[in-house]
Amino acid sequence: MRGYSKTGKSAFTSEYAFSGKLFCQNCGSKFRRASWGTGKNKQYVWRCINREQNGLDKCITKTVKEKDLEQAFLRVMNREHGVMVTEFDEEIFRRLIEKVKVQSMVEAVFVFRTGEEVREIF
């Protein structure tokens, strides 16, 4: 079965900062990382697994660019926590954020491990 090891456990890892942390606000599914383009035009995006596997009639949430998520997190840190961060830091993100609820291509709700929730527009 695709995505599973011989032991039946998931073969996917938390290799990327957003792995296992992005959830679709429309259907509740997790997001999966993908790449668009090639060479210097290559960019990474995150897609709702439900929409990817079952189509638009099952979920309307669009693909979100990884850079947009990173920039949204930086704005949240700078505005809400008074930390002047200019570059996305995976370690800080993993340490502070429990999950991110993604609403279409427009908005994300960052849920901190403290329980605080902060909305940010892309």
N, C-alpha and C. Protein backbone atom coordinates (compact mmCIF):
# COMPACT_ATOMS: atom_id res chain seq x y z
N MET A 1 0.85 -1.18 0.00
CA MET A 1 0.00 0.00 0.00
C MET A 1 0.90 1.24 0.00
N ARG A 2 0.59 2.19 -0.87
CA ARG A 2 1.39 3.40 -1.03
C ARG A 2 1.41 4.22 0.26
N GLY A 3 2.61 4.65 0.67
CA GLY A 3 2.74 5.51 1.84
C GLY A 3 2.90 4.74 3.15
N TYR A 4 2.95 3.42 3.07
CA TYR A 4 3.09 2.62 4.28
C TYR A 4 4.27 1.68 4.15
N SER A 5 4.95 1.44 5.27
CA SER A 5 6.07 0.51 5.27
C SER A 5 5.52 -0.92 5.37
N LYS A 6 6.39 -1.90 5.35
CA LYS A 6 5.97 -3.30 5.45
C LYS A 6 5.32 -3.60 6.80
N THR A 7 5.61 -2.81 7.81
CA THR A 7 5.01 -3.02 9.14
C THR A 7 3.62 -2.42 9.23
N GLY A 8 3.20 -1.70 8.19
CA GLY A 8 1.87 -1.10 8.19
C GLY A 8 1.85 0.31 8.76
N LYS A 9 2.98 0.79 9.24
CA LYS A 9 3.05 2.15 9.77
C LYS A 9 3.33 3.13 8.64
N SER A 10 2.94 4.35 8.83
CA SER A 10 3.13 5.37 7.80
C SER A 10 4.60 5.53 7.47
N ALA A 11 4.90 5.61 6.19
CA ALA A 11 6.28 5.79 5.75
C ALA A 11 6.63 7.27 5.63
N PHE A 12 5.63 8.15 5.77
CA PHE A 12 5.87 9.58 5.65
C PHE A 12 6.50 10.10 6.95
N THR A 13 7.37 11.08 6.82
CA THR A 13 8.08 11.60 7.98
C THR A 13 7.74 13.05 8.21
N SER A 14 8.27 13.59 9.28
CA SER A 14 8.11 15.01 9.58
C SER A 14 9.35 15.76 9.12
N GLU A 15 9.77 15.46 7.92
CA GLU A 15 11.00 16.03 7.36
C GLU A 15 10.91 17.54 7.20
N TYR A 16 9.72 18.05 6.92
CA TYR A 16 9.54 19.48 6.67
C TYR A 16 8.83 20.14 7.85
N ALA A 17 9.06 21.41 8.04
CA ALA A 17 8.49 22.13 9.19
C ALA A 17 6.98 22.01 9.26
N PHE A 18 6.30 22.03 8.12
CA PHE A 18 4.84 22.01 8.11
C PHE A 18 4.25 20.60 8.10
N SER A 19 5.09 19.58 8.00
CA SER A 19 4.60 18.19 7.95
C SER A 19 3.79 17.86 9.20
N GLY A 20 2.57 17.36 8.98
CA GLY A 20 1.71 16.96 10.09
C GLY A 20 1.09 18.09 10.87
N LYS A 21 1.35 19.33 10.48
CA LYS A 21 0.84 20.49 11.21
C LYS A 21 -0.24 21.26 10.47
N LEU A 22 -0.39 21.04 9.18
CA LEU A 22 -1.37 21.77 8.38
C LEU A 22 -2.66 20.97 8.26
N PHE A 23 -3.78 21.63 8.61
CA PHE A 23 -5.09 20.99 8.54
C PHE A 23 -6.04 21.88 7.75
N CYS A 24 -6.86 21.24 6.94
CA CYS A 24 -7.85 21.95 6.13
C CYS A 24 -9.02 22.37 7.00
N GLN A 25 -9.33 23.65 6.99
CA GLN A 25 -10.43 24.17 7.77
C GLN A 25 -11.79 23.76 7.17
N ASN A 26 -11.81 23.42 5.89
CA ASN A 26 -13.06 23.04 5.23
C ASN A 26 -13.44 21.58 5.50
N CYS A 27 -12.48 20.66 5.40
CA CYS A 27 -12.82 19.24 5.52
C CYS A 27 -12.10 18.52 6.65
N GLY A 28 -11.09 19.16 7.26
CA GLY A 28 -10.37 18.54 8.38
C GLY A 28 -9.18 17.68 8.00
N SER A 29 -8.95 17.48 6.72
CA SER A 29 -7.83 16.64 6.26
C SER A 29 -6.49 17.33 6.47
N LYS A 30 -5.44 16.52 6.48
CA LYS A 30 -4.08 17.06 6.53
C LYS A 30 -3.67 17.53 5.14
N PHE A 31 -2.56 18.24 5.11
CA PHE A 31 -1.99 18.70 3.85
C PHE A 31 -0.74 17.89 3.54
N ARG A 32 -0.43 17.80 2.25
CA ARG A 32 0.75 17.09 1.76
C ARG A 32 1.58 18.06 0.92
N ARG A 33 2.89 17.93 1.04
CA ARG A 33 3.81 18.80 0.29
C ARG A 33 3.98 18.28 -1.14
N ALA A 34 4.08 19.22 -2.08
CA ALA A 34 4.32 18.89 -3.48
C ALA A 34 5.20 19.99 -4.07
N SER A 35 5.72 19.75 -5.26
CA SER A 35 6.52 20.79 -5.91
C SER A 35 5.91 21.14 -7.26
N TRP A 36 6.04 22.39 -7.61
CA TRP A 36 5.58 22.90 -8.90
C TRP A 36 6.78 23.45 -9.64
N GLY A 37 6.83 23.23 -10.93
CA GLY A 37 7.90 23.79 -11.76
C GLY A 37 9.19 23.00 -11.65
N THR A 38 10.20 23.50 -12.38
CA THR A 38 11.51 22.86 -12.38
C THR A 38 12.59 23.93 -12.33
N GLY A 39 13.80 23.49 -12.01
CA GLY A 39 14.95 24.39 -12.00
C GLY A 39 14.75 25.58 -11.09
N LYS A 40 15.11 26.77 -11.59
CA LYS A 40 15.02 27.96 -10.75
C LYS A 40 13.57 28.40 -10.53
N ASN A 41 12.63 27.86 -11.29
CA ASN A 41 11.21 28.18 -11.12
C ASN A 41 10.49 27.22 -10.17
N LYS A 42 11.22 26.26 -9.62
CA LYS A 42 10.62 25.27 -8.74
C LYS A 42 10.19 25.93 -7.43
N GLN A 43 8.98 25.61 -7.01
CA GLN A 43 8.48 26.10 -5.73
C GLN A 43 7.72 24.99 -5.03
N TYR A 44 7.69 25.04 -3.71
CA TYR A 44 7.00 24.02 -2.93
C TYR A 44 5.64 24.55 -2.50
N VAL A 45 4.68 23.65 -2.53
CA VAL A 45 3.30 23.99 -2.18
C VAL A 45 2.75 22.91 -1.25
N TRP A 46 1.64 23.24 -0.58
CA TRP A 46 0.95 22.29 0.29
C TRP A 46 -0.48 22.16 -0.20
N ARG A 47 -0.96 20.89 -0.28
CA ARG A 47 -2.28 20.62 -0.83
C ARG A 47 -3.09 19.76 0.14
N CYS A 48 -4.38 20.06 0.23
CA CYS A 48 -5.30 19.26 1.03
C CYS A 48 -5.35 17.85 0.44
N ILE A 49 -5.09 16.85 1.26
CA ILE A 49 -5.06 15.47 0.78
C ILE A 49 -6.43 15.04 0.27
N ASN A 50 -7.49 15.44 0.95
CA ASN A 50 -8.85 15.08 0.54
C ASN A 50 -9.15 15.63 -0.86
N ARG A 51 -8.83 16.90 -1.08
CA ARG A 51 -9.07 17.49 -2.40
C ARG A 51 -8.20 16.83 -3.46
N GLU A 52 -6.95 16.58 -3.10
CA GLU A 52 -6.01 15.97 -4.05
C GLU A 52 -6.48 14.58 -4.48
N GLN A 53 -6.99 13.79 -3.54
CA GLN A 53 -7.39 12.42 -3.84
C GLN A 53 -8.82 12.29 -4.36
N ASN A 54 -9.72 13.19 -3.91
CA ASN A 54 -11.14 13.02 -4.22
C ASN A 54 -11.77 14.13 -5.05
N GLY A 55 -11.01 15.18 -5.31
CA GLY A 55 -11.50 16.23 -6.19
C GLY A 55 -12.17 17.41 -5.52
N LEU A 56 -12.46 18.39 -6.34
CA LEU A 56 -13.02 19.67 -5.92
C LEU A 56 -14.39 19.53 -5.25
N ASP A 57 -15.17 18.54 -5.64
CA ASP A 57 -16.50 18.39 -5.04
C ASP A 57 -16.43 17.89 -3.60
N LYS A 58 -15.26 17.40 -3.15
CA LYS A 58 -15.08 16.94 -1.77
C LYS A 58 -14.45 18.01 -0.88
N CYS A 59 -13.68 18.93 -1.48
CA CYS A 59 -13.07 20.01 -0.70
C CYS A 59 -12.69 21.16 -1.64
N ILE A 60 -13.00 22.38 -1.21
CA ILE A 60 -12.75 23.55 -2.05
C ILE A 60 -11.43 24.27 -1.74
N THR A 61 -10.70 23.80 -0.73
CA THR A 61 -9.46 24.47 -0.34
C THR A 61 -8.41 24.34 -1.43
N LYS A 62 -7.84 25.48 -1.81
CA LYS A 62 -6.84 25.51 -2.88
C LYS A 62 -5.44 25.26 -2.33
N THR A 63 -4.52 25.04 -3.24
CA THR A 63 -3.12 24.84 -2.92
C THR A 63 -2.53 26.11 -2.31
N VAL A 64 -1.64 25.94 -1.33
CA VAL A 64 -1.00 27.06 -0.65
C VAL A 64 0.50 26.97 -0.86
N LYS A 65 1.12 28.07 -1.22
CA LYS A 65 2.57 28.10 -1.42
C LYS A 65 3.28 28.07 -0.06
N GLU A 66 4.35 27.28 0.01
CA GLU A 66 5.12 27.17 1.24
C GLU A 66 5.67 28.53 1.67
N LYS A 67 6.15 29.31 0.71
CA LYS A 67 6.69 30.65 1.02
C LYS A 67 5.63 31.54 1.66
N ASP A 68 4.37 31.42 1.20
CA ASP A 68 3.28 32.22 1.79
C ASP A 68 3.04 31.82 3.24
N LEU A 69 3.12 30.53 3.54
CA LEU A 69 2.96 30.06 4.93
C LEU A 69 4.11 30.57 5.80
N GLU A 70 5.32 30.50 5.27
CA GLU A 70 6.48 30.98 6.02
C GLU A 70 6.36 32.47 6.32
N GLN A 71 5.98 33.26 5.32
CA GLN A 71 5.84 34.71 5.50
C GLN A 71 4.73 35.04 6.49
N ALA A 72 3.63 34.29 6.43
CA ALA A 72 2.52 34.51 7.37
C ALA A 72 2.99 34.25 8.80
N PHE A 73 3.78 33.20 9.01
CA PHE A 73 4.30 32.91 10.34
C PHE A 73 5.22 34.02 10.83
N LEU A 74 6.07 34.54 9.95
CA LEU A 74 6.96 35.64 10.33
C LEU A 74 6.16 36.87 10.76
N ARG A 75 5.10 37.19 10.02
CA ARG A 75 4.26 38.34 10.39
C ARG A 75 3.60 38.14 11.75
N VAL A 76 3.14 36.93 12.01
CA VAL A 76 2.53 36.62 13.31
C VAL A 76 3.55 36.80 14.42
N MET A 77 4.74 36.28 14.25
CA MET A 77 5.78 36.40 15.28
C MET A 77 6.15 37.85 15.51
N ASN A 78 6.31 38.61 14.44
CA ASN A 78 6.71 40.01 14.57
C ASN A 78 5.61 40.86 15.22
N ARG A 79 4.37 40.65 14.81
CA ARG A 79 3.26 41.46 15.30
C ARG A 79 2.78 41.03 16.68
N GLU A 80 2.53 39.76 16.88
CA GLU A 80 1.90 39.28 18.10
C GLU A 80 2.88 39.04 19.25
N HIS A 81 4.11 38.72 18.92
CA HIS A 81 5.07 38.35 19.95
C HIS A 81 6.25 39.31 20.06
N GLY A 82 6.22 40.37 19.27
CA GLY A 82 7.26 41.39 19.37
C GLY A 82 8.66 40.89 19.06
N VAL A 83 8.74 39.81 18.33
CA VAL A 83 10.03 39.25 17.95
C VAL A 83 10.32 39.68 16.52
N MET A 84 11.43 40.33 16.30
CA MET A 84 11.78 40.77 14.95
C MET A 84 12.52 39.64 14.23
N VAL A 85 11.76 38.85 13.53
CA VAL A 85 12.31 37.72 12.78
C VAL A 85 12.23 38.06 11.30
N THR A 86 13.32 37.89 10.59
CA THR A 86 13.33 38.22 9.16
C THR A 86 13.41 36.98 8.28
N GLU A 87 13.76 35.84 8.88
CA GLU A 87 13.91 34.62 8.12
C GLU A 87 13.20 33.48 8.84
N PHE A 88 12.50 32.64 8.07
CA PHE A 88 11.77 31.52 8.65
C PHE A 88 12.74 30.53 9.29
N ASP A 89 12.45 30.14 10.53
CA ASP A 89 13.29 29.20 11.27
C ASP A 89 12.44 27.98 11.63
N GLU A 90 12.74 26.84 11.02
CA GLU A 90 11.96 25.62 11.24
C GLU A 90 11.93 25.21 12.71
N GLU A 91 13.06 25.35 13.39
CA GLU A 91 13.15 24.94 14.79
C GLU A 91 12.20 25.77 15.66
N ILE A 92 12.17 27.08 15.47
CA ILE A 92 11.27 27.95 16.23
C ILE A 92 9.82 27.60 15.92
N PHE A 93 9.52 27.41 14.64
CA PHE A 93 8.16 27.05 14.24
C PHE A 93 7.71 25.77 14.92
N ARG A 94 8.53 24.73 14.84
CA ARG A 94 8.17 23.44 15.45
C ARG A 94 7.99 23.55 16.96
N ARG A 95 8.83 24.36 17.59
CA ARG A 95 8.78 24.50 19.04
C ARG A 95 7.53 25.26 19.50
N LEU A 96 7.08 26.25 18.73
CA LEU A 96 5.98 27.11 19.15
C LEU A 96 4.60 26.70 18.64
N ILE A 97 4.54 26.11 17.46
CA ILE A 97 3.25 25.88 16.80
C ILE A 97 2.80 24.42 16.92
N GLU A 98 1.56 24.25 17.38
CA GLU A 98 0.97 22.92 17.47
C GLU A 98 0.38 22.51 16.12
N LYS A 99 -0.37 23.43 15.51
CA LYS A 99 -0.96 23.15 14.19
C LYS A 99 -1.34 24.45 13.51
N VAL A 100 -1.63 24.33 12.22
CA VAL A 100 -2.07 25.48 11.42
C VAL A 100 -3.33 25.05 10.68
N LYS A 101 -4.41 25.81 10.88
CA LYS A 101 -5.66 25.53 10.18
C LYS A 101 -5.71 26.43 8.96
N VAL A 102 -5.73 25.83 7.78
CA VAL A 102 -5.68 26.58 6.53
C VAL A 102 -7.08 26.73 5.95
N GLN A 103 -7.43 27.99 5.64
CA GLN A 103 -8.72 28.31 5.03
C GLN A 103 -8.46 28.76 3.61
N SER A 104 -8.73 27.89 2.66
CA SER A 104 -8.54 28.16 1.24
C SER A 104 -7.13 28.69 0.99
N MET A 105 -7.01 29.69 0.10
CA MET A 105 -5.71 30.28 -0.19
C MET A 105 -5.61 31.63 0.48
N VAL A 106 -6.49 31.89 1.40
CA VAL A 106 -6.66 33.23 1.92
C VAL A 106 -6.13 33.43 3.33
N GLU A 107 -6.33 32.46 4.21
CA GLU A 107 -6.09 32.67 5.63
C GLU A 107 -5.58 31.41 6.31
N ALA A 108 -4.78 31.61 7.35
CA ALA A 108 -4.33 30.51 8.19
C ALA A 108 -4.52 30.91 9.65
N VAL A 109 -4.87 29.94 10.47
CA VAL A 109 -4.96 30.15 11.91
C VAL A 109 -3.81 29.37 12.53
N PHE A 110 -2.85 30.09 13.11
CA PHE A 110 -1.71 29.46 13.76
C PHE A 110 -2.11 29.16 15.20
N VAL A 111 -2.05 27.89 15.58
CA VAL A 111 -2.41 27.47 16.93
C VAL A 111 -1.11 27.18 17.67
N PHE A 112 -0.81 28.05 18.65
CA PHE A 112 0.41 27.90 19.44
C PHE A 112 0.23 26.78 20.46
N ARG A 113 1.33 26.23 20.93
CA ARG A 113 1.27 25.17 21.95
C ARG A 113 0.65 25.67 23.25
N THR A 114 0.64 26.97 23.46
CA THR A 114 0.02 27.57 24.65
C THR A 114 -1.50 27.61 24.54
N GLY A 115 -2.03 27.32 23.35
CA GLY A 115 -3.47 27.38 23.12
C GLY A 115 -3.90 28.64 22.40
N GLU A 116 -3.02 29.62 22.34
CA GLU A 116 -3.33 30.88 21.64
C GLU A 116 -3.52 30.61 20.15
N GLU A 117 -4.53 31.26 19.56
CA GLU A 117 -4.78 31.14 18.12
C GLU A 117 -4.68 32.52 17.48
N VAL A 118 -3.93 32.60 16.38
CA VAL A 118 -3.73 33.87 15.68
C VAL A 118 -4.04 33.67 14.20
N ARG A 119 -4.96 34.50 13.69
CA ARG A 119 -5.32 34.46 12.26
C ARG A 119 -4.38 35.36 11.47
N GLU A 120 -4.04 34.89 10.28
CA GLU A 120 -3.19 35.69 9.40
C GLU A 120 -3.63 35.48 7.97
N ILE A 121 -3.74 36.58 7.24
CA ILE A 121 -4.08 36.56 5.82
C ILE A 121 -2.80 36.35 5.02
N PHE A 122 -2.88 35.56 3.96
CA PHE A 122 -1.70 35.36 3.09
C PHE A 122 -1.48 36.57 2.23
